Amino acid sequence: MTEQSTLDYQKLWDRWTGLMMLPETDYKHLLTLLHEEMKAGIEFLGTIVGSEGEAILKDISFSKKKEYLKALVPLANVSALFGYLLFLMTKGVNPDEANLSRREETKGLGAAYMEQFQKDQNASYIRNISPLHSLFLEKVYELRVNQLVAAVPESVDLPYKVIEGIHQYLRWSAHQGFVLGMMEEQLGSHERKS
């Protein structure tokens, strides 16, 4: 029997939606539970999203550009965090109970991620995310886009191509967070075999 057929998706959905509605202080708490390399990876993804957003807005006249970019990076970090947490939840790992900060399989994650990213931008991992998990990740994206628009309502006046180009990076960061979990698991299985 495959993992997909034994996973209780209703229970996962209920836990997932509850987790997504936590206040910001709880997100910060969840970050403290992670291994240093995982925290660095999540922050790295947020930095990339911020840089891409800045590049997209570079030649656009927008009076709230600084506020928008300031709101974008933390939301990208949270998207990546929730992508990773979703992966953990699909494996039955409770981040509050597991000792994530000491996971041996996380060592070397940054180097492995960068190597794979340079190879194919993690497309080989993205293709292995199940359609159901992708739907969960879409909800992360939608919620973070809504939060970004709520933080800077004037952003709705930006041209569609511009705003959608930036919003896609919130989707990307959620998927990349899930990929970090996939890679961490793979590193752990290699370590157990050695």
Protein backbone atom coordinates (compact mmCIF):
# COMPACT_ATOMS: atom_id res chain seq x y z
CA MET A 1 0.00 0.00 0.00
CA THR A 2 1.39 3.42 -0.90
CA GLU A 3 1.86 6.34 1.45
CA GLN A 4 -0.87 8.34 -0.36
CA SER A 5 -3.49 5.69 0.21
CA THR A 6 -2.73 5.39 3.96
CA LEU A 7 -2.51 9.11 4.73
CA ASP A 8 -5.65 10.55 6.31
CA TYR A 9 -6.04 13.67 4.17
CA GLN A 10 -9.04 15.00 6.08
CA LYS A 11 -7.05 14.93 9.31
CA LEU A 12 -4.04 16.44 7.53
CA TRP A 13 -6.25 19.19 6.07
CA ASP A 14 -7.77 20.02 9.46
CA ARG A 15 -4.35 20.22 11.12
CA TRP A 16 -2.97 22.14 8.16
CA THR A 17 -5.66 24.82 8.08
CA GLY A 18 -5.39 25.26 11.85
CA LEU A 19 -1.64 25.71 11.53
CA MET A 20 -1.99 28.26 8.73
CA MET A 21 -4.17 30.49 10.90
CA LEU A 22 -1.66 30.78 13.74
CA PRO A 23 -0.60 34.29 14.78
CA GLU A 24 2.80 35.58 13.66
CA THR A 25 4.37 34.93 17.07
CA ASP A 26 3.67 31.22 16.62
CA TYR A 27 5.46 31.25 13.23
CA LYS A 28 8.49 32.67 14.97
CA HIS A 29 8.24 29.94 17.60
CA LEU A 30 8.10 27.27 14.88
CA LEU A 31 11.28 28.70 13.36
CA THR A 32 13.08 28.31 16.68
CA LEU A 33 12.37 24.57 16.55
CA LEU A 34 14.24 24.07 13.27
CA HIS A 35 17.81 23.03 12.57
CA GLU A 36 20.09 25.98 11.78
CA GLU A 37 20.55 24.81 8.19
CA MET A 38 16.79 24.62 7.67
CA LYS A 39 16.33 28.12 9.10
CA ALA A 40 19.07 29.38 6.79
CA GLY A 41 17.41 27.67 3.83
CA ILE A 42 14.05 29.25 4.58
CA GLU A 43 15.64 32.68 4.99
CA PHE A 44 17.58 32.15 1.76
CA LEU A 45 14.34 31.48 -0.12
CA GLY A 46 12.84 34.68 1.29
CA THR A 47 15.92 36.62 0.20
CA ILE A 48 15.59 35.27 -3.35
CA VAL A 49 11.91 36.27 -3.46
CA GLY A 50 12.79 39.75 -2.19
CA SER A 51 15.49 40.15 -4.85
CA GLU A 52 13.18 38.96 -7.61
CA GLY A 53 10.41 41.26 -6.40
CA GLU A 54 12.83 44.18 -6.36
CA ALA A 55 13.99 43.36 -9.90
CA ILE A 56 10.40 43.16 -11.17
CA LEU A 57 9.51 46.50 -9.56
CA LYS A 58 12.78 48.19 -10.52
CA ASP A 59 11.37 50.34 -13.33
CA ILE A 60 7.81 50.55 -12.02
CA SER A 61 6.57 53.76 -10.45
CA PHE A 62 4.87 52.69 -7.24
CA SER A 63 4.73 54.94 -4.17
CA LYS A 64 4.49 51.96 -1.77
CA LYS A 65 7.36 49.99 -3.30
CA LYS A 66 9.44 49.89 -0.10
CA GLU A 67 6.48 48.85 2.05
CA TYR A 68 5.50 46.19 -0.47
CA LEU A 69 8.98 44.67 -0.62
CA LYS A 70 9.27 44.86 3.17
CA ALA A 71 6.04 42.82 3.49
CA LEU A 72 7.00 40.40 0.71
CA VAL A 73 10.13 38.84 2.25
CA PRO A 74 8.61 37.68 5.57
CA LEU A 75 5.61 36.27 3.71
CA ALA A 76 7.95 34.36 1.41
CA ASN A 77 9.76 33.03 4.50
CA VAL A 78 6.45 31.90 5.98
CA SER A 79 5.48 30.28 2.65
CA ALA A 80 8.73 28.31 2.64
CA LEU A 81 8.28 27.39 6.31
CA PHE A 82 4.80 26.10 5.62
CA GLY A 83 5.99 24.15 2.60
CA TYR A 84 8.50 22.43 4.87
CA LEU A 85 5.95 21.90 7.64
CA LEU A 86 3.53 20.36 5.17
CA PHE A 87 6.21 17.87 4.17
CA LEU A 88 6.78 17.01 7.84
CA MET A 89 3.07 16.59 8.44
CA THR A 90 2.74 14.20 5.50
CA LYS A 91 5.39 12.08 7.21
CA GLY A 92 3.58 12.19 10.57
CA VAL A 93 6.18 14.47 12.18
CA ASN A 94 4.88 16.98 14.70
CA PRO A 95 7.34 19.92 14.75
CA ASP A 96 6.45 20.71 18.39
CA GLU A 97 7.31 17.17 19.51
CA ALA A 98 10.16 16.24 17.18
CA ASN A 99 13.64 17.50 17.98
CA LEU A 100 14.13 19.15 14.59
CA SER A 101 17.00 21.35 15.70
CA ARG A 102 19.19 18.27 16.18
CA ARG A 103 18.25 16.29 13.10
CA GLU A 104 21.44 14.80 11.73
CA GLU A 105 19.89 14.44 8.28
CA THR A 106 19.68 18.24 7.99
CA LYS A 107 23.47 18.60 7.97
CA GLY A 108 24.64 19.33 4.45
CA LEU A 109 21.17 20.39 3.30
CA GLY A 110 22.32 23.82 2.09
CA ALA A 111 25.04 22.38 -0.15
CA ALA A 112 22.72 19.65 -1.46
CA TYR A 113 20.00 22.21 -2.20
CA MET A 114 22.34 24.55 -4.08
CA GLU A 115 23.87 21.71 -6.08
CA GLN A 116 20.44 20.46 -7.17
CA PHE A 117 19.17 23.99 -7.80
CA GLN A 118 22.08 24.69 -10.15
CA LYS A 119 21.42 21.40 -11.92
CA ASP A 120 17.71 21.78 -12.70
CA GLN A 121 16.28 24.40 -10.31
CA ASN A 122 14.87 21.49 -8.29
CA ALA A 123 12.46 20.58 -11.10
CA SER A 124 13.12 16.89 -10.50
CA TYR A 125 11.86 17.29 -6.92
CA ILE A 126 8.92 19.50 -7.90
CA ARG A 127 7.72 16.84 -10.35
CA ASN A 128 7.59 14.36 -7.45
CA ILE A 129 5.22 16.45 -5.32
CA SER A 130 1.86 14.71 -5.42
CA PRO A 131 -1.09 16.62 -6.90
CA LEU A 132 -2.83 16.56 -3.50
CA HIS A 133 0.17 18.05 -1.76
CA SER A 134 0.37 20.67 -4.52
CA LEU A 135 -3.21 21.67 -3.70
CA PHE A 136 -2.21 22.19 -0.07
CA LEU A 137 0.74 24.32 -1.23
CA GLU A 138 -1.62 26.37 -3.40
CA LYS A 139 -3.55 27.29 -0.26
CA VAL A 140 -0.32 28.57 1.31
CA TYR A 141 0.25 30.70 -1.80
CA GLU A 142 -3.31 32.06 -1.83
CA LEU A 143 -3.25 32.98 1.86
CA ARG A 144 0.12 34.73 1.59
CA VAL A 145 -0.98 36.68 -1.51
CA ASN A 146 -4.06 37.84 0.40
CA GLN A 147 -1.86 38.88 3.32
CA LEU A 148 0.44 40.80 0.98
CA VAL A 149 -2.48 42.64 -0.60
CA ALA A 150 -3.91 43.37 2.86
CA ALA A 151 -0.52 44.74 3.98
CA VAL A 152 -0.24 47.04 0.94
CA PRO A 153 -3.73 47.48 -0.60
CA GLU A 154 -2.37 49.91 -3.20
CA SER A 155 -0.61 46.98 -4.84
CA VAL A 156 -3.87 46.05 -6.60
CA ASP A 157 -3.30 49.10 -8.82
CA LEU A 158 -0.08 47.63 -10.22
CA PRO A 159 -0.27 46.11 -13.71
CA TYR A 160 -1.45 42.49 -13.62
CA LYS A 161 1.71 41.09 -15.22
CA VAL A 162 3.84 42.83 -12.61
CA ILE A 163 1.84 41.76 -9.58
CA GLU A 164 1.34 38.21 -10.82
CA GLY A 165 5.05 37.93 -11.57
CA ILE A 166 5.81 38.76 -7.95
CA HIS A 167 3.02 36.61 -6.52
CA GLN A 168 4.33 33.56 -8.36
CA TYR A 169 7.41 33.73 -6.15
CA LEU A 170 5.22 33.15 -3.09
CA ARG A 171 4.01 29.94 -4.76
CA TRP A 172 7.61 29.07 -5.64
CA SER A 173 8.80 29.56 -2.05
CA ALA A 174 6.07 27.24 -0.67
CA HIS A 175 7.08 24.53 -3.14
CA GLN A 176 10.77 25.05 -2.39
CA GLY A 177 10.06 24.65 1.33
CA PHE A 178 8.47 21.29 0.55
CA VAL A 179 11.53 20.43 -1.56
CA LEU A 180 13.77 21.20 1.42
CA GLY A 181 11.85 18.56 3.35
CA MET A 182 12.18 16.06 0.51
CA MET A 183 15.91 16.67 0.32
CA GLU A 184 16.31 16.42 4.09
CA GLU A 185 14.58 13.04 4.01
CA GLN A 186 16.80 11.88 1.15
CA LEU A 187 19.94 12.99 3.01
CA GLY A 188 18.73 11.05 6.05
CA SER A 189 18.16 7.88 4.02
CA HIS A 190 21.69 8.15 2.57
CA GLU A 191 23.07 8.64 6.07
CA ARG A 192 21.20 5.56 7.39
CA LYS A 193 22.57 3.44 4.52
CA SER A 194 26.18 4.44 5.23
